[in-house]
Amino acid sequence: MPNNYKNAKKDLTSTDVTTLYTAPVATTAIVKSILVSEDSGNADTITVTLTDAESSPATFSIFKTKAISANATVELLTAPIVVQESEILKVQAATADRLHVIASFLEIS
């Protein structure tokens, strides 16, 4: 059972819901960190969800309109999140071209 440390990065250039990470088949991921950086000099908000593709799909809020200060970087997690096979971690910015997101995780397959 190999363990691989990885990261996923997105520059949120639109206000669309954006897939940050999808757990591969036969893989569980432990998300250790989600960093959000605001780089335009304007405060913004981010929404983070986890979609369980096998439950119709069902979407669960992790952060709903979490405020990010101008020119700030925020660590969103205080504890790890487990993402199971085929689950999808998604992010959405309130305003385009302001936020960057980096998730760091351990994949176990």
PDB file of N, CA and C in Angstrom:
ATOM      1  N   MET A   1       0.837  -1.168   0.000  1.00  0.00           N
ATOM      2  CA  MET A   1       0.000   0.000   0.000  1.00  0.00           C
ATOM      3  C   MET A   1       0.888   1.238   0.000  1.00  0.00           C
ATOM      4  N   PRO A   2       1.122   1.843  -1.185  1.00  0.00           N
ATOM      5  CA  PRO A   2       2.010   3.014  -1.255  1.00  0.00           C
ATOM      6  C   PRO A   2       1.347   4.286  -0.724  1.00  0.00           C
ATOM      7  N   ASN A   3       2.186   5.132  -0.135  1.00  0.00           N
ATOM      8  CA  ASN A   3       1.770   6.444   0.347  1.00  0.00           C
ATOM      9  C   ASN A   3       2.505   7.499  -0.474  1.00  0.00           C
ATOM     10  N   ASN A   4       1.767   8.473  -0.993  1.00  0.00           N
ATOM     11  CA  ASN A   4       2.372   9.529  -1.801  1.00  0.00           C
ATOM     12  C   ASN A   4       1.910  10.888  -1.309  1.00  0.00           C
ATOM     13  N   TYR A   5       2.868  11.762  -1.000  1.00  0.00           N
ATOM     14  CA  TYR A   5       2.554  13.145  -0.643  1.00  0.00           C
ATOM     15  C   TYR A   5       2.380  13.943  -1.924  1.00  0.00           C
ATOM     16  N   LYS A   6       1.283  14.699  -2.000  1.00  0.00           N
ATOM     17  CA  LYS A   6       0.992  15.470  -3.203  1.00  0.00           C
ATOM     18  C   LYS A   6       0.368  16.807  -2.824  1.00  0.00           C
ATOM     19  N   ASN A   7       0.208  17.655  -3.837  1.00  0.00           N
ATOM     20  CA  ASN A   7      -0.559  18.884  -3.640  1.00  0.00           C
ATOM     21  C   ASN A   7      -1.380  19.156  -4.893  1.00  0.00           C
ATOM     22  N   ALA A   8      -2.397  19.985  -4.717  1.00  0.00           N
ATOM     23  CA  ALA A   8      -3.243  20.433  -5.820  1.00  0.00           C
ATOM     24  C   ALA A   8      -3.347  21.944  -5.716  1.00  0.00           C
ATOM     25  N   LYS A   9      -3.227  22.627  -6.859  1.00  0.00           N
ATOM     26  CA  LYS A   9      -3.201  24.096  -6.857  1.00  0.00           C
ATOM     27  C   LYS A   9      -4.191  24.637  -7.869  1.00  0.00           C
ATOM     28  N   LYS A  10      -4.865  25.740  -7.506  1.00  0.00           N
ATOM     29  CA  LYS A  10      -5.775  26.409  -8.440  1.00  0.00           C
ATOM     30  C   LYS A  10      -5.678  27.913  -8.260  1.00  0.00           C
ATOM     31  N   ASP A  11      -5.637  28.610  -9.382  1.00  0.00           N
ATOM     32  CA  ASP A  11      -5.798  30.060  -9.425  1.00  0.00           C
ATOM     33  C   ASP A  11      -7.264  30.268  -9.798  1.00  0.00           C
ATOM     34  N   LEU A  12      -8.058  30.818  -8.903  1.00  0.00           N
ATOM     35  CA  LEU A  12      -9.495  30.934  -9.137  1.00  0.00           C
ATOM     36  C   LEU A  12      -9.777  32.146 -10.023  1.00  0.00           C
ATOM     37  N   THR A  13      -9.761  31.906 -11.329  1.00  0.00           N
ATOM     38  CA  THR A  13      -9.899  32.973 -12.327  1.00  0.00           C
ATOM     39  C   THR A  13     -11.350  33.255 -12.683  1.00  0.00           C
ATOM     40  N   SER A  14     -12.282  32.528 -12.067  1.00  0.00           N
ATOM     41  CA  SER A  14     -13.715  32.769 -12.288  1.00  0.00           C
ATOM     42  C   SER A  14     -14.441  32.555 -10.962  1.00  0.00           C
ATOM     43  N   THR A  15     -15.737  32.762 -10.988  1.00  0.00           N
ATOM     44  CA  THR A  15     -16.548  32.503  -9.790  1.00  0.00           C
ATOM     45  C   THR A  15     -17.253  31.152  -9.889  1.00  0.00           C
ATOM     46  N   ASP A  16     -16.868  30.343 -10.858  1.00  0.00           N
ATOM     47  CA  ASP A  16     -17.440  29.009 -11.019  1.00  0.00           C
ATOM     48  C   ASP A  16     -16.953  28.078  -9.917  1.00  0.00           C
ATOM     49  N   VAL A  17     -17.756  27.075  -9.598  1.00  0.00           N
ATOM     50  CA  VAL A  17     -17.295  26.009  -8.710  1.00  0.00           C
ATOM     51  C   VAL A  17     -16.188  25.272  -9.448  1.00  0.00           C
ATOM     52  N   THR A  18     -15.037  25.112  -8.786  1.00  0.00           N
ATOM     53  CA  THR A  18     -13.835  24.559  -9.415  1.00  0.00           C
ATOM     54  C   THR A  18     -13.365  23.332  -8.647  1.00  0.00           C
ATOM     55  N   THR A  19     -13.113  22.243  -9.355  1.00  0.00           N
ATOM     56  CA  THR A  19     -12.586  21.034  -8.721  1.00  0.00           C
ATOM     57  C   THR A  19     -11.131  21.264  -8.354  1.00  0.00           C
ATOM     58  N   LEU A  20     -10.834  21.115  -7.068  1.00  0.00           N
ATOM     59  CA  LEU A  20      -9.459  21.224  -6.588  1.00  0.00           C
ATOM     60  C   LEU A  20      -8.782  19.861  -6.609  1.00  0.00           C
ATOM     61  N   TYR A  21      -9.526  18.817  -6.188  1.00  0.00           N
ATOM     62  CA  TYR A  21      -8.931  17.481  -6.099  1.00  0.00           C
ATOM     63  C   TYR A  21     -10.035  16.435  -6.137  1.00  0.00           C
ATOM     64  N   THR A  22      -9.790  15.355  -6.853  1.00  0.00           N
ATOM     65  CA  THR A  22     -10.664  14.184  -6.862  1.00  0.00           C
ATOM     66  C   THR A  22      -9.829  12.980  -6.445  1.00  0.00           C
ATOM     67  N   ALA A  23     -10.282  12.265  -5.434  1.00  0.00           N
ATOM     68  CA  ALA A  23      -9.558  11.074  -4.981  1.00  0.00           C
ATOM     69  C   ALA A  23      -9.681   9.975  -6.034  1.00  0.00           C
ATOM     70  N   PRO A  24      -8.552   9.436  -6.484  1.00  0.00           N
ATOM     71  CA  PRO A  24      -8.582   8.377  -7.495  1.00  0.00           C
ATOM     72  C   PRO A  24      -9.235   7.089  -6.978  1.00  0.00           C
ATOM     73  N   VAL A  25      -9.547   6.208  -7.912  1.00  0.00           N
ATOM     74  CA  VAL A  25     -10.098   4.896  -7.575  1.00  0.00           C
ATOM     75  C   VAL A  25      -9.123   4.154  -6.664  1.00  0.00           C
ATOM     76  N   ALA A  26      -9.659   3.462  -5.682  1.00  0.00           N
ATOM     77  CA  ALA A  26      -8.881   2.663  -4.734  1.00  0.00           C
ATOM     78  C   ALA A  26      -7.883   3.496  -3.937  1.00  0.00           C
ATOM     79  N   THR A  27      -8.232   4.751  -3.677  1.00  0.00           N
ATOM     80  CA  THR A  27      -7.335   5.662  -2.965  1.00  0.00           C
ATOM     81  C   THR A  27      -8.116   6.463  -1.932  1.00  0.00           C
ATOM     82  N   THR A  28      -7.502   6.640  -0.782  1.00  0.00           N
ATOM     83  CA  THR A  28      -8.000   7.549   0.241  1.00  0.00           C
ATOM     84  C   THR A  28      -6.942   8.628   0.424  1.00  0.00           C
ATOM     85  N   ALA A  29      -7.384   9.864   0.559  1.00  0.00           N
ATOM     86  CA  ALA A  29      -6.443  10.967   0.758  1.00  0.00           C
ATOM     87  C   ALA A  29      -6.714  11.610   2.112  1.00  0.00           C
ATOM     88  N   ILE A  30      -5.641  11.969   2.788  1.00  0.00           N
ATOM     89  CA  ILE A  30      -5.736  12.727   4.024  1.00  0.00           C
ATOM     90  C   ILE A  30      -5.255  14.136   3.698  1.00  0.00           C
ATOM     91  N   VAL A  31      -6.201  15.076   3.676  1.00  0.00           N
ATOM     92  CA  VAL A  31      -5.870  16.463   3.364  1.00  0.00           C
ATOM     93  C   VAL A  31      -5.353  17.108   4.640  1.00  0.00           C
ATOM     94  N   LYS A  32      -4.103  17.527   4.613  1.00  0.00           N
ATOM     95  CA  LYS A  32      -3.446  18.081   5.798  1.00  0.00           C
ATOM     96  C   LYS A  32      -3.537  19.597   5.855  1.00  0.00           C
ATOM     97  N   SER A  33      -3.677  20.238   4.679  1.00  0.00           N
ATOM     98  CA  SER A  33      -3.628  21.697   4.636  1.00  0.00           C
ATOM     99  C   SER A  33      -4.408  22.206   3.437  1.00  0.00           C
ATOM    100  N   ILE A  34      -5.138  23.297   3.635  1.00  0.00           N
ATOM    101  CA  ILE A  34      -5.720  24.051   2.531  1.00  0.00           C
ATOM    102  C   ILE A  34      -5.352  25.512   2.776  1.00  0.00           C
ATOM    103  N   LEU A  35      -4.425  26.022   1.966  1.00  0.00           N
ATOM    104  CA  LEU A  35      -3.996  27.410   2.058  1.00  0.00           C
ATOM    105  C   LEU A  35      -4.724  28.233   1.001  1.00  0.00           C
ATOM    106  N   VAL A  36      -5.194  29.416   1.402  1.00  0.00           N
ATOM    107  CA  VAL A  36      -5.835  30.338   0.472  1.00  0.00           C
ATOM    108  C   VAL A  36      -5.093  31.661   0.564  1.00  0.00           C
ATOM    109  N   SER A  37      -4.688  32.174  -0.580  1.00  0.00           N
ATOM    110  CA  SER A  37      -3.951  33.433  -0.645  1.00  0.00           C
ATOM    111  C   SER A  37      -4.732  34.430  -1.494  1.00  0.00           C
ATOM    112  N   GLU A  38      -4.899  35.633  -0.971  1.00  0.00           N
ATOM    113  CA  GLU A  38      -5.556  36.718  -1.711  1.00  0.00           C
ATOM    114  C   GLU A  38      -4.451  37.611  -2.257  1.00  0.00           C
ATOM    115  N   ASP A  39      -4.429  37.827  -3.580  1.00  0.00           N
ATOM    116  CA  ASP A  39      -3.292  38.536  -4.182  1.00  0.00           C
ATOM    117  C   ASP A  39      -3.660  39.808  -4.948  1.00  0.00           C
ATOM    118  N   SER A  40      -4.894  40.311  -4.779  1.00  0.00           N
ATOM    119  CA  SER A  40      -5.294  41.491  -5.550  1.00  0.00           C
ATOM    120  C   SER A  40      -5.370  42.763  -4.707  1.00  0.00           C
ATOM    121  N   GLY A  41      -5.205  42.613  -3.390  1.00  0.00           N
ATOM    122  CA  GLY A  41      -5.335  43.763  -2.506  1.00  0.00           C
ATOM    123  C   GLY A  41      -6.769  44.058  -2.099  1.00  0.00           C
ATOM    124  N   ASN A  42      -7.666  43.097  -2.358  1.00  0.00           N
ATOM    125  CA  ASN A  42      -9.080  43.245  -2.003  1.00  0.00           C
ATOM    126  C   ASN A  42      -9.539  42.023  -1.210  1.00  0.00           C
ATOM    127  N   ALA A  43     -10.248  42.246  -0.118  1.00  0.00           N
ATOM    128  CA  ALA A  43     -10.789  41.126   0.653  1.00  0.00           C
ATOM    129  C   ALA A  43     -11.771  40.340  -0.215  1.00  0.00           C
ATOM    130  N   ASP A  44     -11.905  39.052   0.063  1.00  0.00           N
ATOM    131  CA  ASP A  44     -12.806  38.200  -0.707  1.00  0.00           C
ATOM    132  C   ASP A  44     -13.298  37.079   0.199  1.00  0.00           C
ATOM    133  N   THR A  45     -14.123  36.188  -0.362  1.00  0.00           N
ATOM    134  CA  THR A  45     -14.571  35.010   0.378  1.00  0.00           C
ATOM    135  C   THR A  45     -14.395  33.781  -0.502  1.00  0.00           C
ATOM    136  N   ILE A  46     -14.285  32.637   0.168  1.00  0.00           N
ATOM    137  CA  ILE A  46     -14.163  31.356  -0.523  1.00  0.00           C
ATOM    138  C   ILE A  46     -15.141  30.369   0.096  1.00  0.00           C
ATOM    139  N   THR A  47     -15.672  29.501  -0.747  1.00  0.00           N
ATOM    140  CA  THR A  47     -16.519  28.394  -0.302  1.00  0.00           C
ATOM    141  C   THR A  47     -15.797  27.106  -0.667  1.00  0.00           C
ATOM    142  N   VAL A  48     -15.733  26.167   0.292  1.00  0.00           N
ATOM    143  CA  VAL A  48     -15.079  24.875   0.077  1.00  0.00           C
ATOM    144  C   VAL A  48     -16.094  23.787   0.376  1.00  0.00           C
ATOM    145  N   THR A  49     -16.246  22.839  -0.549  1.00  0.00           N
ATOM    146  CA  THR A  49     -17.196  21.739  -0.361  1.00  0.00           C
ATOM    147  C   THR A  49     -16.539  20.401  -0.660  1.00  0.00           C
ATOM    148  N   LEU A  50     -17.174  19.343  -0.172  1.00  0.00           N
ATOM    149  CA  LEU A  50     -16.769  17.969  -0.463  1.00  0.00           C
ATOM    150  C   LEU A  50     -17.973  17.275  -1.072  1.00  0.00           C
ATOM    151  N   THR A  51     -17.792  16.731  -2.279  1.00  0.00           N
ATOM    152  CA  THR A  51     -18.884  16.048  -2.978  1.00  0.00           C
ATOM    153  C   THR A  51     -18.650  14.552  -2.936  1.00  0.00           C
ATOM    154  N   ASP A  52     -19.663  13.838  -2.455  1.00  0.00           N
ATOM    155  CA  ASP A  52     -19.655  12.379  -2.444  1.00  0.00           C
ATOM    156  C   ASP A  52     -20.367  11.933  -3.710  1.00  0.00           C
ATOM    157  N   ALA A  53     -19.614  11.574  -4.729  1.00  0.00           N
ATOM    158  CA  ALA A  53     -20.166  11.253  -6.049  1.00  0.00           C
ATOM    159  C   ALA A  53     -21.075  10.028  -6.022  1.00  0.00           C
ATOM    160  N   GLU A  54     -20.923   9.168  -5.033  1.00  0.00           N
ATOM    161  CA  GLU A  54     -21.729   7.947  -4.977  1.00  0.00           C
ATOM    162  C   GLU A  54     -23.071   8.149  -4.277  1.00  0.00           C
ATOM    163  N   SER A  55     -23.304   9.312  -3.698  1.00  0.00           N
ATOM    164  CA  SER A  55     -24.552   9.564  -2.973  1.00  0.00           C
ATOM    165  C   SER A  55     -25.440  10.526  -3.733  1.00  0.00           C
ATOM    166  N   SER A  56     -25.608  10.316  -4.976  1.00  0.00           N
ATOM    167  CA  SER A  56     -26.605  10.956  -5.833  1.00  0.00           C
ATOM    168  C   SER A  56     -26.214  12.156  -6.684  1.00  0.00           C
ATOM    169  N   PRO A  57     -25.285  12.958  -6.603  1.00  0.00           N
ATOM    170  CA  PRO A  57     -24.251  13.178  -5.582  1.00  0.00           C
ATOM    171  C   PRO A  57     -24.743  14.084  -4.459  1.00  0.00           C
ATOM    172  N   ALA A  58     -24.073  13.998  -3.345  1.00  0.00           N
ATOM    173  CA  ALA A  58     -24.370  14.850  -2.192  1.00  0.00           C
ATOM    174  C   ALA A  58     -23.181  15.772  -1.957  1.00  0.00           C
ATOM    175  N   THR A  59     -23.459  17.053  -1.709  1.00  0.00           N
ATOM    176  CA  THR A  59     -22.406  18.040  -1.486  1.00  0.00           C
ATOM    177  C   THR A  59     -22.479  18.536  -0.051  1.00  0.00           C
ATOM    178  N   PHE A  60     -21.336  18.548   0.627  1.00  0.00           N
ATOM    179  CA  PHE A  60     -21.241  18.943   2.027  1.00  0.00           C
ATOM    180  C   PHE A  60     -20.346  20.169   2.152  1.00  0.00           C
ATOM    181  N   SER A  61     -20.835  21.188   2.839  1.00  0.00           N
ATOM    182  CA  SER A  61     -20.049  22.409   3.041  1.00  0.00           C
ATOM    183  C   SER A  61     -18.963  22.176   4.076  1.00  0.00           C
ATOM    184  N   ILE A  62     -17.754  22.592   3.750  1.00  0.00           N
ATOM    185  CA  ILE A  62     -16.649  22.601   4.708  1.00  0.00           C
ATOM    186  C   ILE A  62     -16.458  24.029   5.203  1.00  0.00           C
ATOM    187  N   PHE A  63     -16.449  24.979   4.259  1.00  0.00           N
ATOM    188  CA  PHE A  63     -16.429  26.416   4.579  1.00  0.00           C
ATOM    189  C   PHE A  63     -17.429  27.090   3.663  1.00  0.00           C
ATOM    190  N   LYS A  64     -18.322  27.862   4.234  1.00  0.00           N
ATOM    191  CA  LYS A  64     -19.318  28.593   3.459  1.00  0.00           C
ATOM    192  C   LYS A  64     -19.003  30.076   3.566  1.00  0.00           C
ATOM    193  N   THR A  65     -18.601  30.682   2.462  1.00  0.00           N
ATOM    194  CA  THR A  65     -18.214  32.093   2.379  1.00  0.00           C
ATOM    195  C   THR A  65     -17.242  32.493   3.493  1.00  0.00           C
ATOM    196  N   LYS A  66     -16.129  31.792   3.563  1.00  0.00           N
ATOM    197  CA  LYS A  66     -15.059  32.087   4.512  1.00  0.00           C
ATOM    198  C   LYS A  66     -14.321  33.346   4.062  1.00  0.00           C
ATOM    199  N   ALA A  67     -14.235  34.335   4.944  1.00  0.00           N
ATOM    200  CA  ALA A  67     -13.590  35.605   4.613  1.00  0.00           C
ATOM    201  C   ALA A  67     -12.072  35.457   4.544  1.00  0.00           C
ATOM    202  N   ILE A  68     -11.496  36.062   3.501  1.00  0.00           N
ATOM    203  CA  ILE A  68     -10.047  36.123   3.321  1.00  0.00           C
ATOM    204  C   ILE A  68      -9.688  37.601   3.193  1.00  0.00           C
ATOM    205  N   SER A  69      -8.855  38.089   4.086  1.00  0.00           N
ATOM    206  CA  SER A  69      -8.471  39.509   4.081  1.00  0.00           C
ATOM    207  C   SER A  69      -7.591  39.845   2.884  1.00  0.00           C
ATOM    208  N   ALA A  70      -7.560  41.119   2.537  1.00  0.00           N
ATOM    209  CA  ALA A  70      -6.721  41.589   1.434  1.00  0.00           C
ATOM    210  C   ALA A  70      -5.258  41.252   1.694  1.00  0.00           C
ATOM    211  N   ASN A  71      -4.583  40.718   0.676  1.00  0.00           N
ATOM    212  CA  ASN A  71      -3.153  40.374   0.726  1.00  0.00           C
ATOM    213  C   ASN A  71      -2.790  39.373   1.818  1.00  0.00           C
ATOM    214  N   ALA A  72      -3.750  38.581   2.264  1.00  0.00           N
ATOM    215  CA  ALA A  72      -3.515  37.621   3.352  1.00  0.00           C
ATOM    216  C   ALA A  72      -3.438  36.200   2.808  1.00  0.00           C
ATOM    217  N   THR A  73      -2.778  35.350   3.585  1.00  0.00           N
ATOM    218  CA  THR A  73      -2.793  33.911   3.344  1.00  0.00           C
ATOM    219  C   THR A  73      -3.372  33.254   4.589  1.00  0.00           C
ATOM    220  N   VAL A  74      -4.345  32.372   4.392  1.00  0.00           N
ATOM    221  CA  VAL A  74      -5.057  31.753   5.504  1.00  0.00           C
ATOM    222  C   VAL A  74      -4.978  30.236   5.377  1.00  0.00           C
ATOM    223  N   GLU A  75      -4.641  29.576   6.479  1.00  0.00           N
ATOM    224  CA  GLU A  75      -4.733  28.119   6.568  1.00  0.00           C
ATOM    225  C   GLU A  75      -6.150  27.799   7.032  1.00  0.00           C
ATOM    226  N   LEU A  76      -6.908  27.098   6.198  1.00  0.00           N
ATOM    227  CA  LEU A  76      -8.299  26.832   6.533  1.00  0.00           C
ATOM    228  C   LEU A  76      -8.484  25.680   7.517  1.00  0.00           C
ATOM    229  N   LEU A  77      -7.611  24.700   7.488  1.00  0.00           N
ATOM    230  CA  LEU A  77      -7.824  23.499   8.298  1.00  0.00           C
ATOM    231  C   LEU A  77      -7.167  23.594   9.667  1.00  0.00           C
ATOM    232  N   THR A  78      -7.890  23.118  10.669  1.00  0.00           N
ATOM    233  CA  THR A  78      -7.316  22.943  12.003  1.00  0.00           C
ATOM    234  C   THR A  78      -7.131  21.461  12.312  1.00  0.00           C
ATOM    235  N   ALA A  79      -7.705  20.607  11.477  1.00  0.00           N
ATOM    236  CA  ALA A  79      -7.562  19.151  11.591  1.00  0.00           C
ATOM    237  C   ALA A  79      -7.648  18.573  10.179  1.00  0.00           C
ATOM    238  N   PRO A  80      -7.044  17.415   9.953  1.00  0.00           N
ATOM    239  CA  PRO A  80      -7.086  16.821   8.611  1.00  0.00           C
ATOM    240  C   PRO A  80      -8.509  16.431   8.191  1.00  0.00           C
ATOM    241  N   ILE A  81      -8.718  16.370   6.881  1.00  0.00           N
ATOM    242  CA  ILE A  81      -9.975  15.900   6.301  1.00  0.00           C
ATOM    243  C   ILE A  81      -9.665  14.650   5.482  1.00  0.00           C
ATOM    244  N   VAL A  82     -10.466  13.609   5.641  1.00  0.00           N
ATOM    245  CA  VAL A  82     -10.309  12.390   4.862  1.00  0.00           C
ATOM    246  C   VAL A  82     -11.194  12.495   3.625  1.00  0.00           C
ATOM    247  N   VAL A  83     -10.585  12.275   2.459  1.00  0.00           N
ATOM    248  CA  VAL A  83     -11.310  12.271   1.191  1.00  0.00           C
ATOM    249  C   VAL A  83     -11.213  10.846   0.644  1.00  0.00           C
ATOM    250  N   GLN A  84     -12.369  10.202   0.529  1.00  0.00           N
ATOM    251  CA  GLN A  84     -12.395   8.811   0.100  1.00  0.00           C
ATOM    252  C   GLN A  84     -12.490   8.702  -1.420  1.00  0.00           C
ATOM    253  N   GLU A  85     -12.289   7.489  -1.914  1.00  0.00           N
ATOM    254  CA  GLU A  85     -12.322   7.200  -3.348  1.00  0.00           C
ATOM    255  C   GLU A  85     -13.478   7.907  -4.044  1.00  0.00           C
ATOM    256  N   SER A  86     -13.162   8.630  -5.116  1.00  0.00           N
ATOM    257  CA  SER A  86     -14.109   9.332  -5.985  1.00  0.00           C
ATOM    258  C   SER A  86     -14.757  10.571  -5.368  1.00  0.00           C
ATOM    259  N   GLU A  87     -14.445  10.913  -4.129  1.00  0.00           N
ATOM    260  CA  GLU A  87     -14.963  12.150  -3.554  1.00  0.00           C
ATOM    261  C   GLU A  87     -14.194  13.332  -4.145  1.00  0.00           C
ATOM    262  N   ILE A  88     -14.871  14.488  -4.208  1.00  0.00           N
ATOM    263  CA  ILE A  88     -14.315  15.645  -4.903  1.00  0.00           C
ATOM    264  C   ILE A  88     -14.282  16.848  -3.963  1.00  0.00           C
ATOM    265  N   LEU A  89     -13.106  17.432  -3.814  1.00  0.00           N
ATOM    266  CA  LEU A  89     -12.926  18.660  -3.047  1.00  0.00           C
ATOM    267  C   LEU A  89     -13.039  19.822  -4.035  1.00  0.00           C
ATOM    268  N   LYS A  90     -14.020  20.728  -3.777  1.00  0.00           N
ATOM    269  CA  LYS A  90     -14.277  21.834  -4.706  1.00  0.00           C
ATOM    270  C   LYS A  90     -14.159  23.169  -3.993  1.00  0.00           C
ATOM    271  N   VAL A  91     -13.782  24.196  -4.758  1.00  0.00           N
ATOM    272  CA  VAL A  91     -13.634  25.549  -4.219  1.00  0.00           C
ATOM    273  C   VAL A  91     -14.343  26.535  -5.138  1.00  0.00           C
ATOM    274  N   GLN A  92     -14.779  27.654  -4.539  1.00  0.00           N
ATOM    275  CA  GLN A  92     -15.440  28.699  -5.318  1.00  0.00           C
ATOM    276  C   GLN A  92     -15.135  30.052  -4.698  1.00  0.00           C
ATOM    277  N   ALA A  93     -14.641  30.964  -5.506  1.00  0.00           N
ATOM    278  CA  ALA A  93     -14.360  32.333  -5.063  1.00  0.00           C
ATOM    279  C   ALA A  93     -15.588  33.205  -5.301  1.00  0.00           C
ATOM    280  N   ALA A  94     -15.780  34.193  -4.441  1.00  0.00           N
ATOM    281  CA  ALA A  94     -16.875  35.145  -4.643  1.00  0.00           C
ATOM    282  C   ALA A  94     -16.566  36.085  -5.805  1.00  0.00           C
ATOM    283  N   THR A  95     -15.271  36.364  -6.025  1.00  0.00           N
ATOM    284  CA  THR A  95     -14.838  37.280  -7.086  1.00  0.00           C
ATOM    285  C   THR A  95     -13.701  36.617  -7.863  1.00  0.00           C
ATOM    286  N   ALA A  96     -13.715  36.752  -9.167  1.00  0.00           N
ATOM    287  CA  ALA A  96     -12.672  36.147 -10.009  1.00  0.00           C
ATOM    288  C   ALA A  96     -11.332  36.857  -9.841  1.00  0.00           C
ATOM    289  N   ASP A  97     -10.260  36.125 -10.084  1.00  0.00           N
ATOM    290  CA  ASP A  97      -8.891  36.656 -10.167  1.00  0.00           C
ATOM    291  C   ASP A  97      -8.370  37.273  -8.874  1.00  0.00           C
ATOM    292  N   ARG A  98      -8.777  36.716  -7.736  1.00  0.00           N
ATOM    293  CA  ARG A  98      -8.272  37.225  -6.464  1.00  0.00           C
ATOM    294  C   ARG A  98      -7.628  36.147  -5.589  1.00  0.00           C
ATOM    295  N   LEU A  99      -8.054  34.910  -5.731  1.00  0.00           N
ATOM    296  CA  LEU A  99      -7.619  33.876  -4.789  1.00  0.00           C
ATOM    297  C   LEU A  99      -6.829  32.763  -5.462  1.00  0.00           C
ATOM    298  N   HIS A 100      -5.815  32.283  -4.731  1.00  0.00           N
ATOM    299  CA  HIS A 100      -5.072  31.076  -5.082  1.00  0.00           C
ATOM    300  C   HIS A 100      -5.299  30.077  -3.951  1.00  0.00           C
ATOM    301  N   VAL A 101      -5.421  28.789  -4.315  1.00  0.00           N
ATOM    302  CA  VAL A 101      -5.668  27.741  -3.314  1.00  0.00           C
ATOM    303  C   VAL A 101      -4.652  26.627  -3.522  1.00  0.00           C
ATOM    304  N   ILE A 102      -4.075  26.151  -2.411  1.00  0.00           N
ATOM    305  CA  ILE A 102      -3.168  25.001  -2.454  1.00  0.00           C
ATOM    306  C   ILE A 102      -3.605  24.008  -1.372  1.00  0.00           C
ATOM    307  N   ALA A 103      -3.864  22.790  -1.772  1.00  0.00           N
ATOM    308  CA  ALA A 103      -4.177  21.715  -0.827  1.00  0.00           C
ATOM    309  C   ALA A 103      -3.001  20.749  -0.803  1.00  0.00           C
ATOM    310  N   SER A 104      -2.585  20.353   0.391  1.00  0.00           N
ATOM    311  CA  SER A 104      -1.523  19.366   0.559  1.00  0.00           C
ATOM    312  C   SER A 104      -2.131  18.132   1.199  1.00  0.00           C
ATOM    313  N   PHE A 105      -1.796  16.962   0.645  1.00  0.00           N
ATOM    314  CA  PHE A 105      -2.447  15.746   1.115  1.00  0.00           C
ATOM    315  C   PHE A 105      -1.550  14.523   0.947  1.00  0.00           C
ATOM    316  N   LEU A 106      -1.927  13.470   1.674  1.00  0.00           N
ATOM    317  CA  LEU A 106      -1.267  12.187   1.573  1.00  0.00           C
ATOM    318  C   LEU A 106      -2.238  11.221   0.930  1.00  0.00           C
ATOM    319  N   GLU A 107      -1.854  10.642  -0.204  1.00  0.00           N
ATOM    320  CA  GLU A 107      -2.670   9.619  -0.858  1.00  0.00           C
ATOM    321  C   GLU A 107      -2.238   8.245  -0.404  1.00  0.00           C
ATOM    322  N   ILE A 108      -3.213   7.432  -0.022  1.00  0.00           N
ATOM    323  CA  ILE A 108      -2.959   6.060   0.404  1.00  0.00           C
ATOM    324  C   ILE A 108      -3.733   5.154  -0.537  1.00  0.00           C
ATOM    325  N   SER A 109      -2.992   4.288  -1.235  1.00  0.00           N
ATOM    326  CA  SER A 109      -3.675   3.389  -2.200  1.00  0.00           C
ATOM    327  C   SER A 109      -3.212   1.962  -2.016  1.00  0.00           C
TER     328      SER A 109
END
